[in-house]
N, C-alpha and C. Protein backbone atom coordinates (compact mmCIF):
# COMPACT_ATOMS: atom_id res chain seq x y z
N SER A 1 88.40 90.55 105.97
CA SER A 1 89.78 90.17 105.69
C SER A 1 90.03 89.99 104.20
N VAL A 2 89.05 89.47 103.49
CA VAL A 2 89.25 89.21 102.06
C VAL A 2 89.53 90.50 101.31
N VAL A 3 88.78 91.54 101.59
CA VAL A 3 89.00 92.81 100.89
C VAL A 3 90.34 93.41 101.31
N GLY A 4 90.73 93.23 102.56
CA GLY A 4 92.05 93.67 103.01
C GLY A 4 93.16 92.98 102.23
N ILE A 5 93.01 91.68 102.02
CA ILE A 5 93.98 90.93 101.22
C ILE A 5 93.99 91.46 99.79
N GLU A 6 92.82 91.73 99.25
CA GLU A 6 92.73 92.29 97.89
C GLU A 6 93.47 93.62 97.78
N VAL A 7 93.32 94.48 98.78
CA VAL A 7 94.01 95.77 98.77
C VAL A 7 95.52 95.57 98.80
N LEU A 8 95.99 94.68 99.67
CA LEU A 8 97.43 94.40 99.74
C LEU A 8 97.98 93.87 98.43
N MET A 9 97.27 92.92 97.83
CA MET A 9 97.77 92.31 96.60
C MET A 9 97.66 93.27 95.41
N ALA A 10 96.64 94.12 95.41
CA ALA A 10 96.53 95.14 94.35
C ALA A 10 97.70 96.11 94.44
N ALA A 11 98.06 96.51 95.66
CA ALA A 11 99.20 97.42 95.84
C ALA A 11 100.48 96.76 95.35
N GLN A 12 100.67 95.50 95.71
CA GLN A 12 101.85 94.76 95.28
C GLN A 12 101.90 94.68 93.76
N ALA A 13 100.77 94.33 93.15
CA ALA A 13 100.71 94.20 91.69
C ALA A 13 100.96 95.53 90.99
N LEU A 14 100.38 96.61 91.51
CA LEU A 14 100.61 97.93 90.91
C LEU A 14 102.09 98.29 90.93
N GLU A 15 102.73 98.06 92.07
CA GLU A 15 104.15 98.41 92.18
C GLU A 15 105.02 97.54 91.26
N LEU A 16 104.69 96.27 91.15
CA LEU A 16 105.44 95.40 90.23
C LEU A 16 105.28 95.86 88.79
N ARG A 17 104.06 96.20 88.44
CA ARG A 17 103.77 96.64 87.07
C ARG A 17 104.47 97.96 86.76
N LEU A 18 104.43 98.90 87.69
CA LEU A 18 105.10 100.19 87.49
C LEU A 18 106.61 99.99 87.32
N LYS A 19 107.19 99.17 88.17
CA LYS A 19 108.63 98.91 88.10
C LYS A 19 109.00 98.27 86.77
N GLU A 20 108.20 97.30 86.35
CA GLU A 20 108.44 96.59 85.09
C GLU A 20 108.44 97.55 83.90
N ARG A 21 107.59 98.54 83.96
CA ARG A 21 107.46 99.48 82.84
C ARG A 21 108.29 100.75 83.02
N GLY A 22 109.00 100.85 84.13
CA GLY A 22 109.87 102.00 84.36
C GLY A 22 109.15 103.27 84.78
N PHE A 23 107.99 103.12 85.39
CA PHE A 23 107.22 104.27 85.85
C PHE A 23 107.23 104.36 87.36
N GLY A 24 106.94 105.54 87.87
CA GLY A 24 106.76 105.75 89.30
C GLY A 24 105.29 105.85 89.62
N ALA A 25 104.98 106.08 90.88
CA ALA A 25 103.59 106.17 91.33
C ALA A 25 102.84 107.31 90.66
N GLU A 26 103.57 108.31 90.16
CA GLU A 26 102.90 109.44 89.49
C GLU A 26 102.15 109.00 88.23
N ALA A 27 102.44 107.81 87.72
CA ALA A 27 101.74 107.31 86.54
C ALA A 27 100.35 106.75 86.88
N LEU A 28 100.07 106.58 88.15
CA LEU A 28 98.77 106.05 88.58
C LEU A 28 97.71 107.14 88.57
N ALA A 29 96.47 106.71 88.52
CA ALA A 29 95.35 107.63 88.69
C ALA A 29 95.43 108.21 90.11
N PRO A 30 94.94 109.43 90.31
CA PRO A 30 95.04 110.05 91.64
C PRO A 30 94.49 109.20 92.78
N ALA A 31 93.35 108.56 92.59
CA ALA A 31 92.77 107.76 93.67
C ALA A 31 93.64 106.54 93.98
N SER A 32 94.15 105.88 92.95
CA SER A 32 95.03 104.73 93.16
C SER A 32 96.31 105.15 93.87
N ARG A 33 96.86 106.26 93.45
CA ARG A 33 98.09 106.78 94.06
C ARG A 33 97.86 107.11 95.54
N ALA A 34 96.72 107.71 95.85
CA ALA A 34 96.41 108.08 97.23
C ALA A 34 96.23 106.86 98.13
N VAL A 35 95.53 105.86 97.64
CA VAL A 35 95.33 104.64 98.43
C VAL A 35 96.65 103.91 98.62
N LEU A 36 97.46 103.83 97.59
CA LEU A 36 98.77 103.19 97.70
C LEU A 36 99.65 103.91 98.71
N ALA A 37 99.68 105.22 98.64
CA ALA A 37 100.49 106.01 99.58
C ALA A 37 100.00 105.85 101.01
N MET A 38 98.68 105.87 101.20
CA MET A 38 98.12 105.70 102.54
C MET A 38 98.45 104.32 103.10
N LEU A 39 98.32 103.30 102.27
CA LEU A 39 98.63 101.94 102.72
C LEU A 39 100.10 101.82 103.10
N ARG A 40 100.98 102.34 102.28
CA ARG A 40 102.42 102.22 102.53
C ARG A 40 102.87 103.08 103.72
N ALA A 41 102.12 104.10 104.06
CA ALA A 41 102.47 104.97 105.20
C ALA A 41 101.92 104.46 106.52
N THR A 42 101.09 103.42 106.47
CA THR A 42 100.44 102.90 107.67
C THR A 42 101.22 101.71 108.21
N PRO A 43 101.57 101.74 109.50
CA PRO A 43 102.24 100.57 110.06
C PRO A 43 101.26 99.41 110.27
N ALA A 44 101.75 98.20 110.09
CA ALA A 44 100.95 97.01 110.34
C ALA A 44 100.74 96.87 111.85
N THR A 45 99.95 95.89 112.25
CA THR A 45 99.67 95.72 113.67
C THR A 45 100.91 95.29 114.47
N ASP A 46 101.97 94.85 113.79
CA ASP A 46 103.22 94.51 114.48
C ASP A 46 104.18 95.70 114.53
N GLY A 47 103.72 96.86 114.03
CA GLY A 47 104.53 98.08 114.06
C GLY A 47 105.45 98.25 112.87
N ARG A 48 105.57 97.24 112.05
CA ARG A 48 106.42 97.33 110.86
C ARG A 48 105.63 97.96 109.72
N PRO A 49 106.33 98.61 108.79
CA PRO A 49 105.61 99.24 107.68
C PRO A 49 104.95 98.20 106.77
N ILE A 50 103.87 98.61 106.14
CA ILE A 50 103.22 97.75 105.14
C ILE A 50 103.90 98.09 103.81
N GLY A 51 105.09 97.59 103.64
CA GLY A 51 105.88 97.90 102.45
C GLY A 51 105.67 96.87 101.35
N HIS A 52 106.32 97.15 100.22
CA HIS A 52 106.33 96.23 99.09
C HIS A 52 107.03 94.94 99.53
N LEU A 53 106.45 93.81 99.22
CA LEU A 53 107.02 92.53 99.66
C LEU A 53 108.17 92.12 98.74
N GLU A 54 109.32 91.92 99.34
CA GLU A 54 110.50 91.48 98.61
C GLU A 54 110.90 90.07 99.00
N ARG A 55 110.35 89.58 100.11
CA ARG A 55 110.70 88.24 100.60
C ARG A 55 109.51 87.69 101.39
N ASP A 56 109.58 86.42 101.71
CA ASP A 56 108.53 85.80 102.52
C ASP A 56 108.55 86.38 103.93
N LEU A 57 107.39 86.63 104.45
CA LEU A 57 107.27 87.06 105.84
C LEU A 57 105.85 86.81 106.30
N VAL A 58 105.63 86.94 107.59
CA VAL A 58 104.30 86.72 108.15
C VAL A 58 103.39 87.85 107.69
N LEU A 59 102.32 87.49 107.01
CA LEU A 59 101.42 88.50 106.44
C LEU A 59 100.27 88.89 107.37
N TYR A 60 99.99 88.10 108.39
CA TYR A 60 98.82 88.38 109.21
C TYR A 60 98.77 89.82 109.71
N PRO A 61 99.86 90.41 110.25
CA PRO A 61 99.76 91.79 110.73
C PRO A 61 99.40 92.78 109.62
N ARG A 62 99.87 92.53 108.41
CA ARG A 62 99.57 93.42 107.29
C ARG A 62 98.12 93.23 106.83
N ILE A 63 97.69 91.97 106.78
CA ILE A 63 96.30 91.67 106.40
C ILE A 63 95.33 92.29 107.41
N HIS A 64 95.63 92.12 108.68
CA HIS A 64 94.76 92.66 109.73
C HIS A 64 94.64 94.18 109.61
N LYS A 65 95.77 94.87 109.42
CA LYS A 65 95.74 96.33 109.31
C LYS A 65 95.02 96.75 108.03
N ALA A 66 95.28 96.06 106.92
CA ALA A 66 94.60 96.40 105.67
C ALA A 66 93.09 96.22 105.82
N ALA A 67 92.67 95.17 106.50
CA ALA A 67 91.24 94.96 106.74
C ALA A 67 90.67 96.08 107.61
N GLU A 68 91.43 96.52 108.61
CA GLU A 68 91.00 97.65 109.44
C GLU A 68 90.83 98.91 108.60
N LEU A 69 91.76 99.15 107.69
CA LEU A 69 91.68 100.34 106.83
C LEU A 69 90.45 100.29 105.94
N VAL A 70 90.14 99.11 105.43
CA VAL A 70 88.94 98.95 104.60
C VAL A 70 87.68 99.13 105.45
N ASN A 71 87.61 98.43 106.56
CA ASN A 71 86.41 98.46 107.42
C ASN A 71 86.15 99.83 108.03
N SER A 72 87.20 100.59 108.29
CA SER A 72 87.03 101.92 108.88
C SER A 72 86.62 102.97 107.85
N GLY A 73 86.74 102.62 106.58
CA GLY A 73 86.44 103.58 105.52
C GLY A 73 87.64 104.40 105.09
N ALA A 74 88.81 104.14 105.66
CA ALA A 74 90.01 104.93 105.35
C ALA A 74 90.43 104.79 103.89
N VAL A 75 90.28 103.59 103.33
CA VAL A 75 90.65 103.38 101.93
C VAL A 75 89.73 104.21 101.03
N LEU A 76 88.45 104.13 101.27
CA LEU A 76 87.49 104.89 100.49
C LEU A 76 87.69 106.40 100.68
N ASP A 77 87.95 106.82 101.90
CA ASP A 77 88.20 108.25 102.17
C ASP A 77 89.42 108.75 101.42
N ALA A 78 90.49 107.96 101.39
CA ALA A 78 91.71 108.37 100.68
C ALA A 78 91.44 108.51 99.18
N ALA A 79 90.70 107.55 98.63
CA ALA A 79 90.38 107.61 97.20
C ALA A 79 89.49 108.81 96.89
N ARG A 80 88.48 109.04 97.70
CA ARG A 80 87.57 110.17 97.47
C ARG A 80 88.29 111.51 97.60
N ALA A 81 89.16 111.64 98.60
CA ALA A 81 89.89 112.89 98.81
C ALA A 81 90.78 113.22 97.62
N ALA A 82 91.30 112.20 96.96
CA ALA A 82 92.18 112.43 95.81
C ALA A 82 91.40 112.91 94.59
N LEU A 83 90.11 112.69 94.58
CA LEU A 83 89.29 113.06 93.43
C LEU A 83 88.70 114.45 93.54
N VAL A 84 88.88 115.09 94.67
CA VAL A 84 88.31 116.43 94.88
C VAL A 84 89.24 117.49 94.34
């Protein structure tokens, strides 16, 4: 779960930083861009998208899905595929 939380918060931080500087996801390294896109395209365990957080909401479904993505190797696979 801890690494899943780290992935979620890294995605949130990347998007905040990009927005602050006026850049889009294309400014990210290919592996970072691929992991971010994969995370955002994956529904949480409650069926809602794992989107950028704009307000308070229950995070458990997003944390659980992010942990599943890490444990299954999907995060690593997305990063590796972007580097080929």
